[in-house]
Amino acid sequence: MANHASALKRNRQRITRTARNRTVRSALRSALKEARVAIESGDSALAATKAFAAKKALAKAASKGVIHANNASRRTSRLDHALARLAQA
């Protein structure tokens, strides 16, 4: 247990930040899963819509510092690549 006022405050901040990050990360994971399922279904219109939402969630998570910017960029690139393969097929 924390023994100093500063340590107690840091613990309170950690709890608040963790809860905030958890909601963003959960929304991100849901959006990515929906996009992947839509791409696998083969419906290009639905896949494009879901991929747009996932890319938006990735950018939001990166801007808030929940995930690293390069992580968001890599996942966005992979989504775009999967969409391009779907369009070719």
C-alpha atoms as a PDB file:
ATOM      1  CA  MET A   1       0.000   0.000   0.000  1.00  0.00           C
ATOM      2  CA  ALA A   2       1.178   3.529  -0.755  1.00  0.00           C
ATOM      3  CA  ASN A   3       2.580   5.455   2.205  1.00  0.00           C
ATOM      4  CA  HIS A   4       3.029   8.943   0.743  1.00  0.00           C
ATOM      5  CA  ALA A   5       0.451  11.419  -0.475  1.00  0.00           C
ATOM      6  CA  SER A   6       2.057  11.532  -3.915  1.00  0.00           C
ATOM      7  CA  ALA A   7       1.955   7.733  -4.176  1.00  0.00           C
ATOM      8  CA  LEU A   8      -1.703   7.692  -3.140  1.00  0.00           C
ATOM      9  CA  LYS A   9      -2.488  10.268  -5.799  1.00  0.00           C
ATOM     10  CA  ARG A  10      -0.579   8.312  -8.464  1.00  0.00           C
ATOM     11  CA  ASN A  11      -2.586   5.225  -7.536  1.00  0.00           C
ATOM     12  CA  ARG A  12      -5.866   7.126  -7.935  1.00  0.00           C
ATOM     13  CA  GLN A  13      -4.698   8.430 -11.304  1.00  0.00           C
ATOM     14  CA  ARG A  14      -3.696   4.942 -12.394  1.00  0.00           C
ATOM     15  CA  ILE A  15      -7.146   3.573 -11.603  1.00  0.00           C
ATOM     16  CA  THR A  16      -8.876   6.383 -13.502  1.00  0.00           C
ATOM     17  CA  ARG A  17      -6.582   6.076 -16.513  1.00  0.00           C
ATOM     18  CA  THR A  18      -6.864   2.294 -16.601  1.00  0.00           C
ATOM     19  CA  ALA A  19     -10.660   2.482 -16.688  1.00  0.00           C
ATOM     20  CA  ARG A  20     -10.588   5.079 -19.467  1.00  0.00           C
ATOM     21  CA  ASN A  21      -8.068   3.105 -21.519  1.00  0.00           C
ATOM     22  CA  ARG A  22     -10.040  -0.106 -21.043  1.00  0.00           C
ATOM     23  CA  THR A  23     -13.146   1.349 -22.711  1.00  0.00           C
ATOM     24  CA  VAL A  24     -11.147   2.655 -25.672  1.00  0.00           C
ATOM     25  CA  ARG A  25      -9.256  -0.641 -26.056  1.00  0.00           C
ATOM     26  CA  SER A  26     -12.469  -2.668 -25.828  1.00  0.00           C
ATOM     27  CA  ALA A  27     -14.166  -0.554 -28.500  1.00  0.00           C
ATOM     28  CA  LEU A  28     -11.067  -0.905 -30.658  1.00  0.00           C
ATOM     29  CA  ARG A  29     -11.005  -4.691 -30.359  1.00  0.00           C
ATOM     30  CA  SER A  30     -14.717  -4.912 -31.178  1.00  0.00           C
ATOM     31  CA  ALA A  31     -14.328  -2.697 -34.243  1.00  0.00           C
ATOM     32  CA  LEU A  32     -11.353  -4.722 -35.495  1.00  0.00           C
ATOM     33  CA  LYS A  33     -13.185  -7.999 -34.983  1.00  0.00           C
ATOM     34  CA  GLU A  34     -16.261  -6.727 -36.859  1.00  0.00           C
ATOM     35  CA  ALA A  35     -14.042  -5.548 -39.712  1.00  0.00           C
ATOM     36  CA  ARG A  36     -12.250  -8.892 -39.942  1.00  0.00           C
ATOM     37  CA  VAL A  37     -15.530 -10.804 -39.948  1.00  0.00           C
ATOM     38  CA  ALA A  38     -16.957  -8.516 -42.649  1.00  0.00           C
ATOM     39  CA  ILE A  39     -13.855  -8.978 -44.805  1.00  0.00           C
ATOM     40  CA  GLU A  40     -14.017 -12.758 -44.415  1.00  0.00           C
ATOM     41  CA  SER A  41     -17.709 -12.749 -45.354  1.00  0.00           C
ATOM     42  CA  GLY A  42     -16.809 -11.377 -48.782  1.00  0.00           C
ATOM     43  CA  ASP A  43     -19.275  -8.469 -48.764  1.00  0.00           C
ATOM     44  CA  SER A  44     -17.100  -5.602 -49.970  1.00  0.00           C
ATOM     45  CA  ALA A  45     -19.582  -2.825 -49.127  1.00  0.00           C
ATOM     46  CA  LEU A  46     -20.031  -4.020 -45.546  1.00  0.00           C
ATOM     47  CA  ALA A  47     -16.308  -4.669 -45.217  1.00  0.00           C
ATOM     48  CA  ALA A  48     -15.467  -1.136 -46.353  1.00  0.00           C
ATOM     49  CA  THR A  49     -17.874   0.342 -43.802  1.00  0.00           C
ATOM     50  CA  LYS A  50     -16.576  -1.785 -40.949  1.00  0.00           C
ATOM     51  CA  ALA A  51     -12.949  -1.179 -41.947  1.00  0.00           C
ATOM     52  CA  PHE A  52     -13.554   2.581 -41.918  1.00  0.00           C
ATOM     53  CA  ALA A  53     -14.950   2.320 -38.385  1.00  0.00           C
ATOM     54  CA  ALA A  54     -11.986   0.191 -37.313  1.00  0.00           C
ATOM     55  CA  LYS A  55      -9.492   2.644 -38.788  1.00  0.00           C
ATOM     56  CA  LYS A  56     -11.238   5.464 -36.965  1.00  0.00           C
ATOM     57  CA  ALA A  57     -11.054   3.525 -33.696  1.00  0.00           C
ATOM     58  CA  LEU A  58      -7.352   2.819 -34.297  1.00  0.00           C
ATOM     59  CA  ALA A  59      -6.615   6.497 -34.869  1.00  0.00           C
ATOM     60  CA  LYS A  60      -8.559   7.448 -31.755  1.00  0.00           C
ATOM     61  CA  ALA A  61      -6.741   4.895 -29.605  1.00  0.00           C
ATOM     62  CA  ALA A  62      -3.376   6.049 -30.940  1.00  0.00           C
ATOM     63  CA  SER A  63      -4.179   9.706 -30.320  1.00  0.00           C
ATOM     64  CA  LYS A  64      -5.123   8.913 -26.729  1.00  0.00           C
ATOM     65  CA  GLY A  65      -1.954   6.901 -26.187  1.00  0.00           C
ATOM     66  CA  VAL A  66      -3.782   3.627 -25.584  1.00  0.00           C
ATOM     67  CA  ILE A  67      -1.774   1.975 -28.356  1.00  0.00           C
ATOM     68  CA  HIS A  68       1.427   3.113 -30.049  1.00  0.00           C
ATOM     69  CA  ALA A  69       1.107   5.145 -33.247  1.00  0.00           C
ATOM     70  CA  ASN A  70       3.139   2.596 -35.218  1.00  0.00           C
ATOM     71  CA  ASN A  71       0.837  -0.175 -33.972  1.00  0.00           C
ATOM     72  CA  ALA A  72      -2.190   1.735 -35.276  1.00  0.00           C
ATOM     73  CA  SER A  73      -0.440   2.417 -38.567  1.00  0.00           C
ATOM     74  CA  ARG A  74       0.490  -1.241 -39.029  1.00  0.00           C
ATOM     75  CA  ARG A  75      -3.039  -2.462 -38.304  1.00  0.00           C
ATOM     76  CA  THR A  76      -4.549   0.163 -40.611  1.00  0.00           C
ATOM     77  CA  SER A  77      -2.208  -0.938 -43.376  1.00  0.00           C
ATOM     78  CA  ARG A  78      -3.185  -4.572 -42.883  1.00  0.00           C
ATOM     79  CA  LEU A  79      -6.877  -3.687 -43.039  1.00  0.00           C
ATOM     80  CA  ASP A  80      -6.314  -1.738 -46.268  1.00  0.00           C
ATOM     81  CA  HIS A  81      -4.380  -4.652 -47.727  1.00  0.00           C
ATOM     82  CA  ALA A  82      -7.161  -7.103 -46.831  1.00  0.00           C
ATOM     83  CA  LEU A  83      -9.741  -4.790 -48.411  1.00  0.00           C
ATOM     84  CA  ALA A  84      -7.669  -4.535 -51.589  1.00  0.00           C
ATOM     85  CA  ARG A  85      -7.460  -8.341 -51.815  1.00  0.00           C
ATOM     86  CA  LEU A  86     -11.231  -8.537 -51.328  1.00  0.00           C
ATOM     87  CA  ALA A  87     -11.781  -6.016 -54.132  1.00  0.00           C
ATOM     88  CA  GLN A  88      -9.570  -8.042 -56.490  1.00  0.00           C
ATOM     89  CA  ALA A  89     -11.362 -11.301 -55.787  1.00  0.00           C
END
